Amino acid sequence: VQLVESGGGLVQPGGSLRLSCAASGFTASNYGMNWYRQAPGKEREFLGYITPGSGSTNYADSVKGRFTISRDNAKNTVYLQMSSLKPEDTAVYYCQRPRGPYWGQGTQVTVSL
């Protein structure tokens, strides 16, 4: 099982970014998948979840309405679309398969002018 995040970078406040979590060694659509983030000096924060099969989603209040989780079954990849980004969204972002659990290595997102 391997999870590889990508798509992080520097973005201005109000901007958008899409993170990818490429899964290998298992079929992502058969498992629920989570997104988390960890800002410097803070605990890891749960952001949202996509269910296996139907791909229903739910989100933490801190990102609800701004972040969207989706999945491309053909690419075996889960995405985190982020919009209306704020400086406080600066963090390392991780995807996780909770059955394991398995974590990716993380991708840095910095929101700054």
PDB file of N, CA and C in Angstrom:
ATOM      1  N   VAL A   1       0.853  -1.198   0.000  1.00  0.00           N
ATOM      2  CA  VAL A   1       0.000   0.000   0.000  1.00  0.00           C
ATOM      3  C   VAL A   1       0.880   1.236   0.000  1.00  0.00           C
ATOM      4  N   GLN A   2       0.592   2.131  -0.907  1.00  0.00           N
ATOM      5  CA  GLN A   2       1.335   3.384  -0.960  1.00  0.00           C
ATOM      6  C   GLN A   2       0.378   4.517  -1.330  1.00  0.00           C
ATOM      7  N   LEU A   3       0.584   5.666  -0.654  1.00  0.00           N
ATOM      8  CA  LEU A   3      -0.172   6.880  -0.945  1.00  0.00           C
ATOM      9  C   LEU A   3       0.833   7.983  -1.227  1.00  0.00           C
ATOM     10  N   VAL A   4       0.663   8.672  -2.339  1.00  0.00           N
ATOM     11  CA  VAL A   4       1.594   9.734  -2.714  1.00  0.00           C
ATOM     12  C   VAL A   4       0.792  10.995  -3.012  1.00  0.00           C
ATOM     13  N   GLU A   5       0.990  12.006  -2.158  1.00  0.00           N
ATOM     14  CA  GLU A   5       0.333  13.289  -2.375  1.00  0.00           C
ATOM     15  C   GLU A   5       1.163  14.164  -3.293  1.00  0.00           C
ATOM     16  N   SER A   6       0.480  15.027  -4.018  1.00  0.00           N
ATOM     17  CA  SER A   6       1.139  16.009  -4.868  1.00  0.00           C
ATOM     18  C   SER A   6       0.200  17.184  -5.075  1.00  0.00           C
ATOM     19  N   GLY A   7       0.752  18.258  -5.635  1.00  0.00           N
ATOM     20  CA  GLY A   7      -0.068  19.411  -5.969  1.00  0.00           C
ATOM     21  C   GLY A   7       0.057  20.586  -5.029  1.00  0.00           C
ATOM     22  N   GLY A   8       0.827  20.433  -3.970  1.00  0.00           N
ATOM     23  CA  GLY A   8       1.010  21.535  -3.054  1.00  0.00           C
ATOM     24  C   GLY A   8       1.862  22.631  -3.665  1.00  0.00           C
ATOM     25  N   GLY A   9       1.922  23.751  -2.962  1.00  0.00           N
ATOM     26  CA  GLY A   9       2.741  24.864  -3.436  1.00  0.00           C
ATOM     27  C   GLY A   9       2.355  26.144  -2.746  1.00  0.00           C
ATOM     28  N   LEU A  10       2.800  27.238  -3.331  1.00  0.00           N
ATOM     29  CA  LEU A  10       2.531  28.571  -2.815  1.00  0.00           C
ATOM     30  C   LEU A  10       1.354  29.168  -3.593  1.00  0.00           C
ATOM     31  N   VAL A  11       0.372  29.679  -2.858  1.00  0.00           N
ATOM     32  CA  VAL A  11      -0.804  30.288  -3.489  1.00  0.00           C
ATOM     33  C   VAL A  11      -1.187  31.533  -2.710  1.00  0.00           C
ATOM     34  N   GLN A  12      -1.718  32.514  -3.398  1.00  0.00           N
ATOM     35  CA  GLN A  12      -2.134  33.745  -2.745  1.00  0.00           C
ATOM     36  C   GLN A  12      -3.469  33.560  -2.029  1.00  0.00           C
ATOM     37  N   PRO A  13      -3.704  34.338  -0.990  1.00  0.00           N
ATOM     38  CA  PRO A  13      -5.018  34.279  -0.327  1.00  0.00           C
ATOM     39  C   PRO A  13      -6.149  34.483  -1.331  1.00  0.00           C
ATOM     40  N   GLY A  14      -7.185  33.686  -1.160  1.00  0.00           N
ATOM     41  CA  GLY A  14      -8.307  33.717  -2.093  1.00  0.00           C
ATOM     42  C   GLY A  14      -8.151  32.779  -3.259  1.00  0.00           C
ATOM     43  N   GLY A  15      -6.965  32.218  -3.420  1.00  0.00           N
ATOM     44  CA  GLY A  15      -6.700  31.339  -4.549  1.00  0.00           C
ATOM     45  C   GLY A  15      -7.184  29.920  -4.321  1.00  0.00           C
ATOM     46  N   SER A  16      -6.911  29.086  -5.326  1.00  0.00           N
ATOM     47  CA  SER A  16      -7.337  27.687  -5.297  1.00  0.00           C
ATOM     48  C   SER A  16      -6.165  26.769  -5.589  1.00  0.00           C
ATOM     49  N   LEU A  17      -6.317  25.532  -5.147  1.00  0.00           N
ATOM     50  CA  LEU A  17      -5.283  24.532  -5.366  1.00  0.00           C
ATOM     51  C   LEU A  17      -5.958  23.173  -5.317  1.00  0.00           C
ATOM     52  N   ARG A  18      -5.489  22.242  -6.131  1.00  0.00           N
ATOM     53  CA  ARG A  18      -6.006  20.882  -6.078  1.00  0.00           C
ATOM     54  C   ARG A  18      -4.880  19.930  -5.723  1.00  0.00           C
ATOM     55  N   LEU A  19      -5.074  19.211  -4.638  1.00  0.00           N
ATOM     56  CA  LEU A  19      -4.119  18.201  -4.213  1.00  0.00           C
ATOM     57  C   LEU A  19      -4.572  16.839  -4.710  1.00  0.00           C
ATOM     58  N   SER A  20      -3.596  16.005  -5.029  1.00  0.00           N
ATOM     59  CA  SER A  20      -3.860  14.646  -5.471  1.00  0.00           C
ATOM     60  C   SER A  20      -3.261  13.663  -4.488  1.00  0.00           C
ATOM     61  N   CYS A  21      -3.910  12.539  -4.369  1.00  0.00           N
ATOM     62  CA  CYS A  21      -3.409  11.432  -3.551  1.00  0.00           C
ATOM     63  C   CYS A  21      -3.499  10.177  -4.417  1.00  0.00           C
ATOM     64  N   ALA A  22      -2.369   9.806  -4.986  1.00  0.00           N
ATOM     65  CA  ALA A  22      -2.322   8.635  -5.854  1.00  0.00           C
ATOM     66  C   ALA A  22      -2.129   7.382  -5.012  1.00  0.00           C
ATOM     67  N   ALA A  23      -3.044   6.455  -5.145  1.00  0.00           N
ATOM     68  CA  ALA A  23      -2.999   5.227  -4.364  1.00  0.00           C
ATOM     69  C   ALA A  23      -2.440   4.081  -5.202  1.00  0.00           C
ATOM     70  N   SER A  24      -1.674   3.226  -4.585  1.00  0.00           N
ATOM     71  CA  SER A  24      -1.186   2.018  -5.240  1.00  0.00           C
ATOM     72  C   SER A  24      -1.188   0.878  -4.241  1.00  0.00           C
ATOM     73  N   GLY A  25      -1.315  -0.319  -4.750  1.00  0.00           N
ATOM     74  CA  GLY A  25      -1.349  -1.494  -3.890  1.00  0.00           C
ATOM     75  C   GLY A  25      -2.737  -1.850  -3.396  1.00  0.00           C
ATOM     76  N   PHE A  26      -3.703  -1.034  -3.734  1.00  0.00           N
ATOM     77  CA  PHE A  26      -5.097  -1.320  -3.391  1.00  0.00           C
ATOM     78  C   PHE A  26      -5.997  -0.461  -4.276  1.00  0.00           C
ATOM     79  N   THR A  27      -7.282  -0.801  -4.287  1.00  0.00           N
ATOM     80  CA  THR A  27      -8.249  -0.050  -5.080  1.00  0.00           C
ATOM     81  C   THR A  27      -8.919   0.983  -4.193  1.00  0.00           C
ATOM     82  N   ALA A  28      -8.640   2.244  -4.455  1.00  0.00           N
ATOM     83  CA  ALA A  28      -9.091   3.316  -3.562  1.00  0.00           C
ATOM     84  C   ALA A  28     -10.609   3.355  -3.443  1.00  0.00           C
ATOM     85  N   SER A  29     -11.317   3.004  -4.489  1.00  0.00           N
ATOM     86  CA  SER A  29     -12.782   3.079  -4.448  1.00  0.00           C
ATOM     87  C   SER A  29     -13.396   2.047  -3.500  1.00  0.00           C
ATOM     88  N   ASN A  30     -12.612   1.081  -3.055  1.00  0.00           N
ATOM     89  CA  ASN A  30     -13.099   0.079  -2.110  1.00  0.00           C
ATOM     90  C   ASN A  30     -12.898   0.483  -0.651  1.00  0.00           C
ATOM     91  N   TYR A  31     -12.277   1.636  -0.451  1.00  0.00           N
ATOM     92  CA  TYR A  31     -11.945   2.078   0.899  1.00  0.00           C
ATOM     93  C   TYR A  31     -12.368   3.523   1.114  1.00  0.00           C
ATOM     94  N   GLY A  32     -12.749   3.831   2.362  1.00  0.00           N
ATOM     95  CA  GLY A  32     -12.867   5.224   2.724  1.00  0.00           C
ATOM     96  C   GLY A  32     -11.487   5.852   2.779  1.00  0.00           C
ATOM     97  N   MET A  33     -11.421   7.126   2.444  1.00  0.00           N
ATOM     98  CA  MET A  33     -10.159   7.847   2.469  1.00  0.00           C
ATOM     99  C   MET A  33     -10.358   9.190   3.155  1.00  0.00           C
ATOM    100  N   ASN A  34      -9.382   9.565   3.954  1.00  0.00           N
ATOM    101  CA  ASN A  34      -9.423  10.825   4.684  1.00  0.00           C
ATOM    102  C   ASN A  34      -8.364  11.788   4.170  1.00  0.00           C
ATOM    103  N   TRP A  35      -8.635  13.080   4.400  1.00  0.00           N
ATOM    104  CA  TRP A  35      -7.614  14.117   4.249  1.00  0.00           C
ATOM    105  C   TRP A  35      -7.414  14.790   5.612  1.00  0.00           C
ATOM    106  N   TYR A  36      -6.157  15.047   5.927  1.00  0.00           N
ATOM    107  CA  TYR A  36      -5.767  15.745   7.150  1.00  0.00           C
ATOM    108  C   TYR A  36      -4.778  16.848   6.777  1.00  0.00           C
ATOM    109  N   ARG A  37      -4.539  17.717   7.723  1.00  0.00           N
ATOM    110  CA  ARG A  37      -3.459  18.691   7.583  1.00  0.00           C
ATOM    111  C   ARG A  37      -2.826  18.924   8.944  1.00  0.00           C
ATOM    112  N   GLN A  38      -1.592  19.401   8.897  1.00  0.00           N
ATOM    113  CA  GLN A  38      -0.889  19.744  10.123  1.00  0.00           C
ATOM    114  C   GLN A  38      -0.110  21.022   9.906  1.00  0.00           C
ATOM    115  N   ALA A  39      -0.501  22.050  10.660  1.00  0.00           N
ATOM    116  CA  ALA A  39       0.201  23.324  10.623  1.00  0.00           C
ATOM    117  C   ALA A  39       1.323  23.304  11.643  1.00  0.00           C
ATOM    118  N   PRO A  40       2.340  24.144  11.463  1.00  0.00           N
ATOM    119  CA  PRO A  40       3.463  24.174  12.400  1.00  0.00           C
ATOM    120  C   PRO A  40       2.987  24.420  13.828  1.00  0.00           C
ATOM    121  N   GLY A  41       3.446  23.573  14.727  1.00  0.00           N
ATOM    122  CA  GLY A  41       3.121  23.740  16.132  1.00  0.00           C
ATOM    123  C   GLY A  41       1.722  23.326  16.524  1.00  0.00           C
ATOM    124  N   LYS A  42       0.977  22.739  15.580  1.00  0.00           N
ATOM    125  CA  LYS A  42      -0.397  22.333  15.866  1.00  0.00           C
ATOM    126  C   LYS A  42      -0.564  20.839  15.649  1.00  0.00           C
ATOM    127  N   GLU A  43      -1.651  20.307  16.213  1.00  0.00           N
ATOM    128  CA  GLU A  43      -1.966  18.897  16.026  1.00  0.00           C
ATOM    129  C   GLU A  43      -2.536  18.669  14.631  1.00  0.00           C
ATOM    130  N   ARG A  44      -2.418  17.430  14.191  1.00  0.00           N
ATOM    131  CA  ARG A  44      -2.985  17.077  12.893  1.00  0.00           C
ATOM    132  C   ARG A  44      -4.503  17.231  12.959  1.00  0.00           C
ATOM    133  N   GLU A  45      -5.060  17.839  11.928  1.00  0.00           N
ATOM    134  CA  GLU A  45      -6.474  18.195  11.885  1.00  0.00           C
ATOM    135  C   GLU A  45      -7.178  17.419  10.782  1.00  0.00           C
ATOM    136  N   PHE A  46      -8.283  16.772  11.130  1.00  0.00           N
ATOM    137  CA  PHE A  46      -9.101  16.072  10.148  1.00  0.00           C
ATOM    138  C   PHE A  46      -9.841  17.104   9.289  1.00  0.00           C
ATOM    139  N   LEU A  47      -9.817  16.879   7.965  1.00  0.00           N
ATOM    140  CA  LEU A  47     -10.469  17.799   7.037  1.00  0.00           C
ATOM    141  C   LEU A  47     -11.730  17.223   6.412  1.00  0.00           C
ATOM    142  N   GLY A  48     -11.673  15.953   6.056  1.00  0.00           N
ATOM    143  CA  GLY A  48     -12.829  15.391   5.382  1.00  0.00           C
ATOM    144  C   GLY A  48     -12.604  13.957   4.979  1.00  0.00           C
ATOM    145  N   TYR A  49     -13.657  13.351   4.457  1.00  0.00           N
ATOM    146  CA  TYR A  49     -13.707  11.917   4.220  1.00  0.00           C
ATOM    147  C   TYR A  49     -14.540  11.639   2.983  1.00  0.00           C
ATOM    148  N   ILE A  50     -14.103  10.632   2.201  1.00  0.00           N
ATOM    149  CA  ILE A  50     -14.902  10.146   1.089  1.00  0.00           C
ATOM    150  C   ILE A  50     -15.145   8.671   1.316  1.00  0.00           C
ATOM    151  N   THR A  51     -16.411   8.257   1.157  1.00  0.00           N
ATOM    152  CA  THR A  51     -16.768   6.873   1.429  1.00  0.00           C
ATOM    153  C   THR A  51     -16.395   5.975   0.258  1.00  0.00           C
ATOM    154  N   PRO A  52     -16.232   4.687   0.511  1.00  0.00           N
ATOM    155  CA  PRO A  52     -16.044   3.756  -0.605  1.00  0.00           C
ATOM    156  C   PRO A  52     -17.324   3.646  -1.430  1.00  0.00           C
ATOM    157  N   GLY A  53     -17.183   3.186  -2.648  1.00  0.00           N
ATOM    158  CA  GLY A  53     -18.354   2.998  -3.483  1.00  0.00           C
ATOM    159  C   GLY A  53     -18.958   4.305  -3.970  1.00  0.00           C
ATOM    160  N   SER A  54     -20.009   4.744  -3.321  1.00  0.00           N
ATOM    161  CA  SER A  54     -20.753   5.915  -3.776  1.00  0.00           C
ATOM    162  C   SER A  54     -19.950   7.202  -3.741  1.00  0.00           C
ATOM    163  N   GLY A  55     -18.948   7.258  -2.896  1.00  0.00           N
ATOM    164  CA  GLY A  55     -18.131   8.459  -2.819  1.00  0.00           C
ATOM    165  C   GLY A  55     -18.813   9.616  -2.109  1.00  0.00           C
ATOM    166  N   SER A  56     -19.662   9.327  -1.162  1.00  0.00           N
ATOM    167  CA  SER A  56     -20.222  10.401  -0.338  1.00  0.00           C
ATOM    168  C   SER A  56     -19.112  11.047   0.469  1.00  0.00           C
ATOM    169  N   THR A  57     -19.295  12.314   0.778  1.00  0.00           N
ATOM    170  CA  THR A  57     -18.246  13.052   1.473  1.00  0.00           C
ATOM    171  C   THR A  57     -18.802  13.758   2.703  1.00  0.00           C
ATOM    172  N   ASN A  58     -17.910  14.017   3.635  1.00  0.00           N
ATOM    173  CA  ASN A  58     -18.248  14.904   4.741  1.00  0.00           C
ATOM    174  C   ASN A  58     -16.993  15.678   5.123  1.00  0.00           C
ATOM    175  N   TYR A  59     -17.189  16.829   5.763  1.00  0.00           N
ATOM    176  CA  TYR A  59     -16.101  17.769   5.974  1.00  0.00           C
ATOM    177  C   TYR A  59     -16.122  18.351   7.378  1.00  0.00           C
ATOM    178  N   ALA A  60     -14.942  18.731   7.827  1.00  0.00           N
ATOM    179  CA  ALA A  60     -14.841  19.488   9.065  1.00  0.00           C
ATOM    180  C   ALA A  60     -15.433  20.877   8.845  1.00  0.00           C
ATOM    181  N   ASP A  61     -15.968  21.434   9.905  1.00  0.00           N
ATOM    182  CA  ASP A  61     -16.591  22.752   9.801  1.00  0.00           C
ATOM    183  C   ASP A  61     -15.606  23.807   9.296  1.00  0.00           C
ATOM    184  N   SER A  62     -14.332  23.634   9.619  1.00  0.00           N
ATOM    185  CA  SER A  62     -13.323  24.639   9.273  1.00  0.00           C
ATOM    186  C   SER A  62     -13.126  24.769   7.768  1.00  0.00           C
ATOM    187  N   VAL A  63     -13.503  23.750   7.003  1.00  0.00           N
ATOM    188  CA  VAL A  63     -13.273  23.784   5.559  1.00  0.00           C
ATOM    189  C   VAL A  63     -14.545  23.561   4.755  1.00  0.00           C
ATOM    190  N   LYS A  64     -15.648  23.325   5.417  1.00  0.00           N
ATOM    191  CA  LYS A  64     -16.911  23.048   4.722  1.00  0.00           C
ATOM    192  C   LYS A  64     -17.294  24.236   3.838  1.00  0.00           C
ATOM    193  N   GLY A  65     -17.633  23.946   2.600  1.00  0.00           N
ATOM    194  CA  GLY A  65     -17.983  24.989   1.646  1.00  0.00           C
ATOM    195  C   GLY A  65     -16.802  25.522   0.870  1.00  0.00           C
ATOM    196  N   ARG A  66     -15.586  25.219   1.307  1.00  0.00           N
ATOM    197  CA  ARG A  66     -14.381  25.691   0.602  1.00  0.00           C
ATOM    198  C   ARG A  66     -13.588  24.527   0.000  1.00  0.00           C
ATOM    199  N   PHE A  67     -13.618  23.390   0.650  1.00  0.00           N
ATOM    200  CA  PHE A  67     -12.848  22.225   0.201  1.00  0.00           C
ATOM    201  C   PHE A  67     -13.801  21.140  -0.299  1.00  0.00           C
ATOM    202  N   THR A  68     -13.361  20.429  -1.323  1.00  0.00           N
ATOM    203  CA  THR A  68     -14.160  19.342  -1.891  1.00  0.00           C
ATOM    204  C   THR A  68     -13.272  18.135  -2.148  1.00  0.00           C
ATOM    205  N   ILE A  69     -13.721  16.991  -1.663  1.00  0.00           N
ATOM    206  CA  ILE A  69     -13.002  15.739  -1.896  1.00  0.00           C
ATOM    207  C   ILE A  69     -13.702  14.973  -3.018  1.00  0.00           C
ATOM    208  N   SER A  70     -12.908  14.429  -3.919  1.00  0.00           N
ATOM    209  CA  SER A  70     -13.452  13.626  -5.008  1.00  0.00           C
ATOM    210  C   SER A  70     -12.497  12.483  -5.307  1.00  0.00           C
ATOM    211  N   ARG A  71     -12.924  11.635  -6.217  1.00  0.00           N
ATOM    212  CA  ARG A  71     -12.112  10.448  -6.534  1.00  0.00           C
ATOM    213  C   ARG A  71     -12.262  10.131  -8.011  1.00  0.00           C
ATOM    214  N   ASP A  72     -11.138   9.780  -8.621  1.00  0.00           N
ATOM    215  CA  ASP A  72     -11.122   9.300 -10.008  1.00  0.00           C
ATOM    216  C   ASP A  72     -10.765   7.820  -9.962  1.00  0.00           C
ATOM    217  N   ASN A  73     -11.763   6.978 -10.152  1.00  0.00           N
ATOM    218  CA  ASN A  73     -11.519   5.537 -10.015  1.00  0.00           C
ATOM    219  C   ASN A  73     -10.567   5.017 -11.092  1.00  0.00           C
ATOM    220  N   ALA A  74     -10.645   5.582 -12.281  1.00  0.00           N
ATOM    221  CA  ALA A  74      -9.766   5.122 -13.358  1.00  0.00           C
ATOM    222  C   ALA A  74      -8.303   5.405 -13.042  1.00  0.00           C
ATOM    223  N   LYS A  75      -8.059   6.497 -12.332  1.00  0.00           N
ATOM    224  CA  LYS A  75      -6.682   6.863 -11.969  1.00  0.00           C
ATOM    225  C   LYS A  75      -6.312   6.387 -10.573  1.00  0.00           C
ATOM    226  N   ASN A  76      -7.268   5.793  -9.867  1.00  0.00           N
ATOM    227  CA  ASN A  76      -7.020   5.332  -8.499  1.00  0.00           C
ATOM    228  C   ASN A  76      -6.466   6.462  -7.637  1.00  0.00           C
ATOM    229  N   THR A  77      -7.064   7.612  -7.772  1.00  0.00           N
ATOM    230  CA  THR A  77      -6.567   8.834  -7.136  1.00  0.00           C
ATOM    231  C   THR A  77      -7.712   9.559  -6.445  1.00  0.00           C
ATOM    232  N   VAL A  78      -7.402  10.099  -5.286  1.00  0.00           N
ATOM    233  CA  VAL A  78      -8.340  10.919  -4.518  1.00  0.00           C
ATOM    234  C   VAL A  78      -7.820  12.356  -4.558  1.00  0.00           C
ATOM    235  N   TYR A  79      -8.747  13.294  -4.640  1.00  0.00           N
ATOM    236  CA  TYR A  79      -8.380  14.697  -4.768  1.00  0.00           C
ATOM    237  C   TYR A  79      -8.942  15.518  -3.608  1.00  0.00           C
ATOM    238  N   LEU A  80      -8.251  16.614  -3.338  1.00  0.00           N
ATOM    239  CA  LEU A  80      -8.758  17.621  -2.413  1.00  0.00           C
ATOM    240  C   LEU A  80      -8.694  18.955  -3.145  1.00  0.00           C
ATOM    241  N   GLN A  81      -9.857  19.433  -3.570  1.00  0.00           N
ATOM    242  CA  GLN A  81      -9.945  20.737  -4.229  1.00  0.00           C
ATOM    243  C   GLN A  81     -10.153  21.797  -3.155  1.00  0.00           C
ATOM    244  N   MET A  82      -9.263  22.763  -3.125  1.00  0.00           N
ATOM    245  CA  MET A  82      -9.323  23.804  -2.103  1.00  0.00           C
ATOM    246  C   MET A  82      -9.539  25.151  -2.774  1.00  0.00           C
ATOM    247  N   SER A  83     -10.470  25.928  -2.277  1.00  0.00           N
ATOM    248  CA  SER A  83     -10.724  27.245  -2.826  1.00  0.00           C
ATOM    249  C   SER A  83     -10.860  28.253  -1.697  1.00  0.00           C
ATOM    250  N   SER A  84     -10.886  29.521  -2.071  1.00  0.00           N
ATOM    251  CA  SER A  84     -10.959  30.611  -1.084  1.00  0.00           C
ATOM    252  C   SER A  84      -9.928  30.404   0.028  1.00  0.00           C
ATOM    253  N   LEU A  85      -8.721  30.107  -0.378  1.00  0.00           N
ATOM    254  CA  LEU A  85      -7.687  29.765   0.596  1.00  0.00           C
ATOM    255  C   LEU A  85      -7.300  30.963   1.450  1.00  0.00           C
ATOM    256  N   LYS A  86      -6.976  30.669   2.710  1.00  0.00           N
ATOM    257  CA  LYS A  86      -6.619  31.673   3.695  1.00  0.00           C
ATOM    258  C   LYS A  86      -5.217  31.382   4.219  1.00  0.00           C
ATOM    259  N   PRO A  87      -4.540  32.373   4.750  1.00  0.00           N
ATOM    260  CA  PRO A  87      -3.210  32.103   5.323  1.00  0.00           C
ATOM    261  C   PRO A  87      -3.246  30.998   6.383  1.00  0.00           C
ATOM    262  N   GLU A  88      -4.329  30.894   7.108  1.00  0.00           N
ATOM    263  CA  GLU A  88      -4.424  29.860   8.147  1.00  0.00           C
ATOM    264  C   GLU A  88      -4.599  28.455   7.579  1.00  0.00           C
ATOM    265  N   ASP A  89      -4.757  28.343   6.269  1.00  0.00           N
ATOM    266  CA  ASP A  89      -4.782  27.027   5.622  1.00  0.00           C
ATOM    267  C   ASP A  89      -3.378  26.509   5.358  1.00  0.00           C
ATOM    268  N   THR A  90      -2.371  27.315   5.633  1.00  0.00           N
ATOM    269  CA  THR A  90      -0.988  26.880   5.452  1.00  0.00           C
ATOM    270  C   THR A  90      -0.691  25.686   6.344  1.00  0.00           C
ATOM    271  N   ALA A  91      -0.237  24.602   5.743  1.00  0.00           N
ATOM    272  CA  ALA A  91       0.001  23.362   6.474  1.00  0.00           C
ATOM    273  C   ALA A  91       0.573  22.320   5.524  1.00  0.00           C
ATOM    274  N   VAL A  92       0.978  21.216   6.091  1.00  0.00           N
ATOM    275  CA  VAL A  92       1.278  20.020   5.313  1.00  0.00           C
ATOM    276  C   VAL A  92      -0.009  19.199   5.245  1.00  0.00           C
ATOM    277  N   TYR A  93      -0.377  18.811   4.050  1.00  0.00           N
ATOM    278  CA  TYR A  93      -1.625  18.097   3.819  1.00  0.00           C
ATOM    279  C   TYR A  93      -1.327  16.622   3.535  1.00  0.00           C
ATOM    280  N   TYR A  94      -2.118  15.768   4.185  1.00  0.00           N
ATOM    281  CA  TYR A  94      -1.914  14.326   4.102  1.00  0.00           C
ATOM    282  C   TYR A  94      -3.206  13.618   3.696  1.00  0.00           C
ATOM    283  N   CYS A  95      -3.078  12.578   2.899  1.00  0.00           N
ATOM    284  CA  CYS A  95      -4.202  11.673   2.723  1.00  0.00           C
ATOM    285  C   CYS A  95      -3.930  10.424   3.565  1.00  0.00           C
ATOM    286  N   GLN A  96      -5.014   9.774   3.923  1.00  0.00           N
ATOM    287  CA  GLN A  96      -4.916   8.604   4.801  1.00  0.00           C
ATOM    288  C   GLN A  96      -5.947   7.577   4.403  1.00  0.00           C
ATOM    289  N   ARG A  97      -5.528   6.324   4.412  1.00  0.00           N
ATOM    290  CA  ARG A  97      -6.477   5.223   4.364  1.00  0.00           C
ATOM    291  C   ARG A  97      -6.644   4.737   5.790  1.00  0.00           C
ATOM    292  N   PRO A  98      -7.800   4.978   6.402  1.00  0.00           N
ATOM    293  CA  PRO A  98      -7.947   4.652   7.826  1.00  0.00           C
ATOM    294  C   PRO A  98      -7.868   3.165   8.128  1.00  0.00           C
ATOM    295  N   ARG A  99      -8.228   2.335   7.177  1.00  0.00           N
ATOM    296  CA  ARG A  99      -8.067   0.889   7.416  1.00  0.00           C
ATOM    297  C   ARG A  99      -6.602   0.568   7.195  1.00  0.00           C
ATOM    298  N   GLY A 100      -5.875   0.473   8.265  1.00  0.00           N
ATOM    299  CA  GLY A 100      -4.428   0.236   8.252  1.00  0.00           C
ATOM    300  C   GLY A 100      -3.872   0.735   9.588  1.00  0.00           C
ATOM    301  N   PRO A 101      -3.731   2.020   9.804  1.00  0.00           N
ATOM    302  CA  PRO A 101      -3.899   3.056   8.789  1.00  0.00           C
ATOM    303  C   PRO A 101      -2.641   3.235   7.936  1.00  0.00           C
ATOM    304  N   TYR A 102      -2.835   3.821   6.786  1.00  0.00           N
ATOM    305  CA  TYR A 102      -1.731   4.173   5.914  1.00  0.00           C
ATOM    306  C   TYR A 102      -1.785   5.673   5.610  1.00  0.00           C
ATOM    307  N   TRP A 103      -0.605   6.283   5.602  1.00  0.00           N
ATOM    308  CA  TRP A 103      -0.483   7.722   5.372  1.00  0.00           C
ATOM    309  C   TRP A 103       0.429   7.973   4.184  1.00  0.00           C
ATOM    310  N   GLY A 104       0.152   9.068   3.490  1.00  0.00           N
ATOM    311  CA  GLY A 104       1.093   9.558   2.515  1.00  0.00           C
ATOM    312  C   GLY A 104       2.177  10.362   3.190  1.00  0.00           C
ATOM    313  N   GLN A 105       3.120  10.877   2.386  1.00  0.00           N
ATOM    314  CA  GLN A 105       4.252  11.611   2.931  1.00  0.00           C
ATOM    315  C   GLN A 105       3.921  13.087   3.175  1.00  0.00           C
ATOM    316  N   GLY A 106       2.805  13.532   2.623  1.00  0.00           N
ATOM    317  CA  GLY A 106       2.384  14.906   2.811  1.00  0.00           C
ATOM    318  C   GLY A 106       2.858  15.821   1.700  1.00  0.00           C
ATOM    319  N   THR A 107       2.115  16.910   1.510  1.00  0.00           N
ATOM    320  CA  THR A 107       2.505  17.936   0.546  1.00  0.00           C
ATOM    321  C   THR A 107       2.250  19.299   1.186  1.00  0.00           C
ATOM    322  N   GLN A 108       3.213  20.191   1.035  1.00  0.00           N
ATOM    323  CA  GLN A 108       3.155  21.493   1.698  1.00  0.00           C
ATOM    324  C   GLN A 108       2.275  22.455   0.896  1.00  0.00           C
ATOM    325  N   VAL A 109       1.379  23.112   1.598  1.00  0.00           N
ATOM    326  CA  VAL A 109       0.577  24.192   1.030  1.00  0.00           C
ATOM    327  C   VAL A 109       0.867  25.452   1.827  1.00  0.00           C
ATOM    328  N   THR A 110       1.272  26.506   1.132  1.00  0.00           N
ATOM    329  CA  THR A 110       1.540  27.784   1.773  1.00  0.00           C
ATOM    330  C   THR A 110       0.662  28.842   1.130  1.00  0.00           C
ATOM    331  N   VAL A 111      -0.121  29.519   1.956  1.00  0.00           N
ATOM    332  CA  VAL A 111      -1.020  30.569   1.473  1.00  0.00           C
ATOM    333  C   VAL A 111      -0.460  31.904   1.958  1.00  0.00           C
ATOM    334  N   SER A 112       0.046  32.695   1.031  1.00  0.00           N
ATOM    335  CA  SER A 112       0.719  33.930   1.397  1.00  0.00           C
ATOM    336  C   SER A 112       0.796  34.842   0.190  1.00  0.00           C
ATOM    337  N   LEU A 113       0.926  36.147   0.487  1.00  0.00           N
ATOM    338  CA  LEU A 113       1.097  37.120  -0.603  1.00  0.00           C
ATOM    339  C   LEU A 113       2.483  37.006  -1.169  1.00  0.00           C
TER     340      LEU A 113
END
